[in-house]
PDB file of all heavy atoms in Angstrom:
ATOM      1  N   VAL A   1     -15.659 -12.039   1.190  1.00  0.00           N
ATOM      2  CA  VAL A   1     -14.540 -12.202   2.086  1.00  0.00           C
ATOM      3  C   VAL A   1     -13.199 -12.108   1.364  1.00  0.00           C
ATOM      4  O   VAL A   1     -12.268 -11.510   1.882  1.00  0.00           O
ATOM      5  CB  VAL A   1     -14.653 -13.555   2.847  1.00  0.00           C
ATOM      6  CG1 VAL A   1     -13.408 -13.860   3.630  1.00  0.00           C
ATOM      7  CG2 VAL A   1     -15.859 -13.505   3.753  1.00  0.00           C
ATOM      8  N   ASN A   2     -13.123 -12.635   0.170  1.00  0.00           N
ATOM      9  CA  ASN A   2     -11.865 -12.579  -0.596  1.00  0.00           C
ATOM     10  C   ASN A   2     -11.528 -11.152  -1.055  1.00  0.00           C
ATOM     11  O   ASN A   2     -10.410 -10.870  -1.496  1.00  0.00           O
ATOM     12  CB  ASN A   2     -11.875 -13.502  -1.770  1.00  0.00           C
ATOM     13  CG  ASN A   2     -11.832 -14.944  -1.332  1.00  0.00           C
ATOM     14  OD1 ASN A   2     -11.402 -15.307  -0.277  1.00  0.00           O
ATOM     15  ND2 ASN A   2     -12.354 -15.836  -2.197  1.00  0.00           N
ATOM     16  N   SER A   3     -12.524 -10.272  -1.029  1.00  0.00           N
ATOM     17  CA  SER A   3     -12.242  -8.877  -1.421  1.00  0.00           C
ATOM     18  C   SER A   3     -11.608  -8.041  -0.319  1.00  0.00           C
ATOM     19  O   SER A   3     -11.102  -6.950  -0.547  1.00  0.00           O
ATOM     20  CB  SER A   3     -13.546  -8.200  -1.836  1.00  0.00           C
ATOM     21  OG  SER A   3     -14.447  -8.026  -0.745  1.00  0.00           O
ATOM     22  N   CYS A   4     -11.569  -8.580   0.917  1.00  0.00           N
ATOM     23  CA  CYS A   4     -10.933  -7.872   2.064  1.00  0.00           C
ATOM     24  C   CYS A   4      -9.469  -7.589   1.803  1.00  0.00           C
ATOM     25  O   CYS A   4      -9.070  -6.401   1.981  1.00  0.00           O
ATOM     26  CB  CYS A   4     -11.094  -8.639   3.363  1.00  0.00           C
ATOM     27  SG  CYS A   4     -12.803  -8.653   3.949  1.00  0.00           S
ATOM     28  N   PRO A   5      -8.636  -8.532   1.362  1.00  0.00           N
ATOM     29  CA  PRO A   5      -7.264  -8.178   1.105  1.00  0.00           C
ATOM     30  C   PRO A   5      -7.106  -7.192  -0.090  1.00  0.00           C
ATOM     31  O   PRO A   5      -6.182  -6.331  -0.055  1.00  0.00           O
ATOM     32  CB  PRO A   5      -6.604  -9.530   0.753  1.00  0.00           C
ATOM     33  CG  PRO A   5      -7.435 -10.552   1.392  1.00  0.00           C
ATOM     34  CD  PRO A   5      -8.844  -9.982   1.363  1.00  0.00           C
ATOM     35  N   SER A   6      -8.010  -7.271  -1.062  1.00  0.00           N
ATOM     36  CA  SER A   6      -7.933  -6.326  -2.159  1.00  0.00           C
ATOM     37  C   SER A   6      -8.226  -4.866  -1.645  1.00  0.00           C
ATOM     38  O   SER A   6      -7.606  -3.962  -2.093  1.00  0.00           O
ATOM     39  CB  SER A   6      -8.930  -6.675  -3.233  1.00  0.00           C
ATOM     40  OG  SER A   6      -8.603  -7.988  -3.779  1.00  0.00           O
ATOM     41  N   PHE A   7      -9.228  -4.736  -0.772  1.00  0.00           N
ATOM     42  CA  PHE A   7      -9.508  -3.481  -0.199  1.00  0.00           C
ATOM     43  C   PHE A   7      -8.310  -2.939   0.607  1.00  0.00           C
ATOM     44  O   PHE A   7      -7.999  -1.755   0.506  1.00  0.00           O
ATOM     45  CB  PHE A   7     -10.753  -3.550   0.718  1.00  0.00           C
ATOM     46  CG  PHE A   7     -11.057  -2.246   1.419  1.00  0.00           C
ATOM     47  CD1 PHE A   7     -11.544  -1.176   0.730  1.00  0.00           C
ATOM     48  CD2 PHE A   7     -10.793  -2.104   2.741  1.00  0.00           C
ATOM     49  CE1 PHE A   7     -11.795   0.018   1.405  1.00  0.00           C
ATOM     50  CE2 PHE A   7     -11.026  -0.918   3.431  1.00  0.00           C
ATOM     51  CZ  PHE A   7     -11.536   0.136   2.735  1.00  0.00           C
ATOM     52  N   HIS A   8      -7.663  -3.811   1.338  1.00  0.00           N
ATOM     53  CA  HIS A   8      -6.478  -3.399   2.090  1.00  0.00           C
ATOM     54  C   HIS A   8      -5.378  -2.961   1.170  1.00  0.00           C
ATOM     55  O   HIS A   8      -4.700  -1.960   1.435  1.00  0.00           O
ATOM     56  CB  HIS A   8      -6.029  -4.546   2.987  1.00  0.00           C
ATOM     57  CG  HIS A   8      -4.791  -4.254   3.780  1.00  0.00           C
ATOM     58  ND1 HIS A   8      -4.756  -3.348   4.806  1.00  0.00           N
ATOM     59  CD2 HIS A   8      -3.509  -4.679   3.650  1.00  0.00           C
ATOM     60  CE1 HIS A   8      -3.539  -3.268   5.292  1.00  0.00           C
ATOM     61  NE2 HIS A   8      -2.751  -4.047   4.596  1.00  0.00           N
ATOM     62  N   SER A   9      -5.224  -3.651   0.094  1.00  0.00           N
ATOM     63  CA  SER A   9      -4.198  -3.284  -0.897  1.00  0.00           C
ATOM     64  C   SER A   9      -4.493  -1.938  -1.566  1.00  0.00           C
ATOM     65  O   SER A   9      -3.587  -1.213  -1.962  1.00  0.00           O
ATOM     66  CB  SER A   9      -4.062  -4.345  -1.971  1.00  0.00           C
ATOM     67  OG  SER A   9      -3.629  -5.544  -1.422  1.00  0.00           O
ATOM     68  N   LEU A  10      -5.781  -1.591  -1.668  1.00  0.00           N
ATOM     69  CA  LEU A  10      -6.179  -0.318  -2.309  1.00  0.00           C
ATOM     70  C   LEU A  10      -5.571   0.849  -1.602  1.00  0.00           C
ATOM     71  O   LEU A  10      -5.092   1.809  -2.256  1.00  0.00           O
ATOM     72  CB  LEU A  10      -7.681  -0.263  -2.334  1.00  0.00           C
ATOM     73  CG  LEU A  10      -8.291   0.983  -3.007  1.00  0.00           C
ATOM     74  CD1 LEU A  10      -8.020   0.915  -4.506  1.00  0.00           C
ATOM     75  CD2 LEU A  10      -9.790   1.031  -2.754  1.00  0.00           C
ATOM     76  N   TRP A  11      -5.563   0.865  -0.271  1.00  0.00           N
ATOM     77  CA  TRP A  11      -4.961   1.970   0.469  1.00  0.00           C
ATOM     78  C   TRP A  11      -3.541   1.693   0.883  1.00  0.00           C
ATOM     79  O   TRP A  11      -2.752   2.580   1.059  1.00  0.00           O
ATOM     80  CB  TRP A  11      -5.814   2.371   1.688  1.00  0.00           C
ATOM     81  CG  TRP A  11      -5.765   1.369   2.796  1.00  0.00           C
ATOM     82  CD1 TRP A  11      -6.583   0.309   2.981  1.00  0.00           C
ATOM     83  CD2 TRP A  11      -4.818   1.323   3.856  1.00  0.00           C
ATOM     84  NE1 TRP A  11      -6.246  -0.367   4.082  1.00  0.00           N
ATOM     85  CE2 TRP A  11      -5.131   0.197   4.692  1.00  0.00           C
ATOM     86  CE3 TRP A  11      -3.711   2.069   4.215  1.00  0.00           C
ATOM     87  CZ2 TRP A  11      -4.441  -0.148   5.785  1.00  0.00           C
ATOM     88  CZ3 TRP A  11      -2.995   1.748   5.321  1.00  0.00           C
ATOM     89  CH2 TRP A  11      -3.365   0.631   6.124  1.00  0.00           C
ATOM     90  N   GLY A  12      -3.152   0.419   1.024  1.00  0.00           N
ATOM     91  CA  GLY A  12      -1.841   0.074   1.534  1.00  0.00           C
ATOM     92  C   GLY A  12      -0.761   0.216   0.495  1.00  0.00           C
ATOM     93  O   GLY A  12       0.380   0.652   0.851  1.00  0.00           O
ATOM     94  N   ILE A  13      -0.998  -0.103  -0.747  1.00  0.00           N
ATOM     95  CA  ILE A  13       0.099  -0.045  -1.738  1.00  0.00           C
ATOM     96  C   ILE A  13       0.554   1.398  -1.997  1.00  0.00           C
ATOM     97  O   ILE A  13       1.746   1.641  -2.021  1.00  0.00           O
ATOM     98  CB  ILE A  13      -0.351  -0.775  -3.028  1.00  0.00           C
ATOM     99  CG1 ILE A  13      -0.385  -2.273  -2.761  1.00  0.00           C
ATOM    100  CG2 ILE A  13       0.571  -0.451  -4.191  1.00  0.00           C
ATOM    101  CD1 ILE A  13      -0.883  -3.089  -3.932  1.00  0.00           C
ATOM    102  N   PRO A  14      -0.363   2.367  -2.142  1.00  0.00           N
ATOM    103  CA  PRO A  14       0.130   3.736  -2.302  1.00  0.00           C
ATOM    104  C   PRO A  14       0.928   4.231  -1.066  1.00  0.00           C
ATOM    105  O   PRO A  14       1.963   4.914  -1.214  1.00  0.00           O
ATOM    106  CB  PRO A  14      -1.122   4.609  -2.497  1.00  0.00           C
ATOM    107  CG  PRO A  14      -2.090   3.637  -3.029  1.00  0.00           C
ATOM    108  CD  PRO A  14      -1.779   2.314  -2.393  1.00  0.00           C
ATOM    109  N   PHE A  15       0.483   3.854   0.123  1.00  0.00           N
ATOM    110  CA  PHE A  15       1.204   4.225   1.340  1.00  0.00           C
ATOM    111  C   PHE A  15       2.610   3.579   1.351  1.00  0.00           C
ATOM    112  O   PHE A  15       3.593   4.250   1.643  1.00  0.00           O
ATOM    113  CB  PHE A  15       0.398   3.789   2.538  1.00  0.00           C
ATOM    114  CG  PHE A  15       1.101   4.036   3.848  1.00  0.00           C
ATOM    115  CD1 PHE A  15       1.172   5.343   4.362  1.00  0.00           C
ATOM    116  CD2 PHE A  15       1.681   3.014   4.580  1.00  0.00           C
ATOM    117  CE1 PHE A  15       1.822   5.578   5.551  1.00  0.00           C
ATOM    118  CE2 PHE A  15       2.316   3.235   5.799  1.00  0.00           C
ATOM    119  CZ  PHE A  15       2.382   4.532   6.242  1.00  0.00           C
ATOM    120  N   GLN A  16       2.702   2.313   1.018  1.00  0.00           N
ATOM    121  CA  GLN A  16       3.980   1.630   0.969  1.00  0.00           C
ATOM    122  C   GLN A  16       4.917   2.234  -0.105  1.00  0.00           C
ATOM    123  O   GLN A  16       6.136   2.371   0.170  1.00  0.00           O
ATOM    124  CB  GLN A  16       3.811   0.156   0.698  1.00  0.00           C
ATOM    125  CG  GLN A  16       3.152  -0.631   1.815  1.00  0.00           C
ATOM    126  CD  GLN A  16       2.887  -2.075   1.432  1.00  0.00           C
ATOM    127  OE1 GLN A  16       3.138  -2.486   0.307  1.00  0.00           O
ATOM    128  NE2 GLN A  16       2.315  -2.831   2.356  1.00  0.00           N
ATOM    129  N   LEU A  17       4.347   2.587  -1.230  1.00  0.00           N
ATOM    130  CA  LEU A  17       5.176   3.226  -2.301  1.00  0.00           C
ATOM    131  C   LEU A  17       5.734   4.521  -1.838  1.00  0.00           C
ATOM    132  O   LEU A  17       6.905   4.838  -2.031  1.00  0.00           O
ATOM    133  CB  LEU A  17       4.321   3.350  -3.561  1.00  0.00           C
ATOM    134  CG  LEU A  17       5.063   3.937  -4.772  1.00  0.00           C
ATOM    135  CD1 LEU A  17       6.141   3.021  -5.236  1.00  0.00           C
ATOM    136  CD2 LEU A  17       4.065   4.202  -5.887  1.00  0.00           C
ATOM    137  N   PHE A  18       4.863   5.388  -1.258  1.00  0.00           N
ATOM    138  CA  PHE A  18       5.352   6.676  -0.763  1.00  0.00           C
ATOM    139  C   PHE A  18       6.394   6.513   0.306  1.00  0.00           C
ATOM    140  O   PHE A  18       7.441   7.181   0.274  1.00  0.00           O
ATOM    141  CB  PHE A  18       4.163   7.501  -0.187  1.00  0.00           C
ATOM    142  CG  PHE A  18       4.558   8.758   0.432  1.00  0.00           C
ATOM    143  CD1 PHE A  18       4.955   9.850  -0.328  1.00  0.00           C
ATOM    144  CD2 PHE A  18       4.592   8.891   1.826  1.00  0.00           C
ATOM    145  CE1 PHE A  18       5.357  11.053   0.274  1.00  0.00           C
ATOM    146  CE2 PHE A  18       4.982  10.036   2.439  1.00  0.00           C
ATOM    147  CZ  PHE A  18       5.388  11.110   1.653  1.00  0.00           C
ATOM    148  N   PHE A  19       6.168   5.608   1.263  1.00  0.00           N
ATOM    149  CA  PHE A  19       7.124   5.371   2.333  1.00  0.00           C
ATOM    150  C   PHE A  19       8.474   4.857   1.815  1.00  0.00           C
ATOM    151  O   PHE A  19       9.513   5.257   2.257  1.00  0.00           O
ATOM    152  CB  PHE A  19       6.493   4.427   3.375  1.00  0.00           C
ATOM    153  CG  PHE A  19       7.271   4.383   4.655  1.00  0.00           C
ATOM    154  CD1 PHE A  19       7.283   5.457   5.534  1.00  0.00           C
ATOM    155  CD2 PHE A  19       7.983   3.277   4.984  1.00  0.00           C
ATOM    156  CE1 PHE A  19       7.951   5.398   6.742  1.00  0.00           C
ATOM    157  CE2 PHE A  19       8.670   3.155   6.174  1.00  0.00           C
ATOM    158  CZ  PHE A  19       8.675   4.272   7.057  1.00  0.00           C
ATOM    159  N   THR A  20       8.419   3.965   0.842  1.00  0.00           N
ATOM    160  CA  THR A  20       9.618   3.373   0.245  1.00  0.00           C
ATOM    161  C   THR A  20      10.431   4.450  -0.488  1.00  0.00           C
ATOM    162  O   THR A  20      11.642   4.529  -0.331  1.00  0.00           O
ATOM    163  CB  THR A  20       9.223   2.257  -0.751  1.00  0.00           C
ATOM    164  OG1 THR A  20       8.513   1.296  -0.041  1.00  0.00           O
ATOM    165  CG2 THR A  20      10.452   1.621  -1.333  1.00  0.00           C
ATOM    166  N   LEU A  21       9.717   5.302  -1.254  1.00  0.00           N
ATOM    167  CA  LEU A  21      10.443   6.368  -1.951  1.00  0.00           C
ATOM    168  C   LEU A  21      11.026   7.393  -0.975  1.00  0.00           C
ATOM    169  O   LEU A  21      12.156   7.908  -1.214  1.00  0.00           O
ATOM    170  CB  LEU A  21       9.492   7.068  -2.934  1.00  0.00           C
ATOM    171  CG  LEU A  21       9.066   6.203  -4.152  1.00  0.00           C
ATOM    172  CD1 LEU A  21       8.074   6.976  -5.004  1.00  0.00           C
ATOM    173  CD2 LEU A  21      10.275   5.786  -4.953  1.00  0.00           C
ATOM    174  N   TYR A  22      10.324   7.631   0.098  1.00  0.00           N
ATOM    175  CA  TYR A  22      10.880   8.549   1.125  1.00  0.00           C
ATOM    176  C   TYR A  22      12.135   7.983   1.762  1.00  0.00           C
ATOM    177  O   TYR A  22      13.147   8.695   1.916  1.00  0.00           O
ATOM    178  CB  TYR A  22       9.803   8.810   2.202  1.00  0.00           C
ATOM    179  CG  TYR A  22      10.319   9.609   3.356  1.00  0.00           C
ATOM    180  CD1 TYR A  22      10.604  10.966   3.236  1.00  0.00           C
ATOM    181  CD2 TYR A  22      10.599   9.003   4.581  1.00  0.00           C
ATOM    182  CE1 TYR A  22      11.127  11.689   4.318  1.00  0.00           C
ATOM    183  CE2 TYR A  22      11.108   9.703   5.678  1.00  0.00           C
ATOM    184  CZ  TYR A  22      11.329  11.057   5.535  1.00  0.00           C
ATOM    185  OH  TYR A  22      11.854  11.762   6.572  1.00  0.00           O
ATOM    186  N   LEU A  23      12.142   6.668   2.099  1.00  0.00           N
ATOM    187  CA  LEU A  23      13.314   6.090   2.689  1.00  0.00           C
ATOM    188  C   LEU A  23      14.451   6.019   1.676  1.00  0.00           C
ATOM    189  O   LEU A  23      15.609   6.214   2.055  1.00  0.00           O
ATOM    190  CB  LEU A  23      13.007   4.685   3.199  1.00  0.00           C
ATOM    191  CG  LEU A  23      12.112   4.580   4.434  1.00  0.00           C
ATOM    192  CD1 LEU A  23      11.744   3.167   4.799  1.00  0.00           C
ATOM    193  CD2 LEU A  23      12.715   5.297   5.627  1.00  0.00           C
ATOM    194  N   LEU A  24      14.121   5.755   0.443  1.00  0.00           N
ATOM    195  CA  LEU A  24      15.187   5.735  -0.581  1.00  0.00           C
ATOM    196  C   LEU A  24      15.763   7.133  -0.779  1.00  0.00           C
ATOM    197  O   LEU A  24      16.978   7.265  -0.941  1.00  0.00           O
ATOM    198  CB  LEU A  24      14.564   5.227  -1.916  1.00  0.00           C
ATOM    199  CG  LEU A  24      15.516   4.906  -3.046  1.00  0.00           C
ATOM    200  CD1 LEU A  24      16.514   3.845  -2.611  1.00  0.00           C
ATOM    201  CD2 LEU A  24      14.750   4.440  -4.258  1.00  0.00           C
ATOM    202  N   TYR A  25      14.932   8.163  -0.730  1.00  0.00           N
ATOM    203  CA  TYR A  25      15.435   9.538  -0.831  1.00  0.00           C
ATOM    204  C   TYR A  25      16.405   9.850   0.341  1.00  0.00           C
ATOM    205  O   TYR A  25      17.419  10.496   0.153  1.00  0.00           O
ATOM    206  CB  TYR A  25      14.277  10.516  -0.823  1.00  0.00           C
ATOM    207  CG  TYR A  25      14.708  11.980  -0.688  1.00  0.00           C
ATOM    208  CD1 TYR A  25      15.275  12.600  -1.806  1.00  0.00           C
ATOM    209  CD2 TYR A  25      14.539  12.661   0.476  1.00  0.00           C
ATOM    210  CE1 TYR A  25      15.689  13.933  -1.713  1.00  0.00           C
ATOM    211  CE2 TYR A  25      14.958  13.955   0.585  1.00  0.00           C
ATOM    212  CZ  TYR A  25      15.529  14.602  -0.497  1.00  0.00           C
ATOM    213  OH  TYR A  25      15.961  15.900  -0.438  1.00  0.00           O
TER     214      TYR A  25
END
């Protein structure tokens, strides 16, 4: 059960990074 947030972070962090860099651009 504790691995659920880690799995979410696996796909969520790259998405957030890309979106943040796009907004910064």
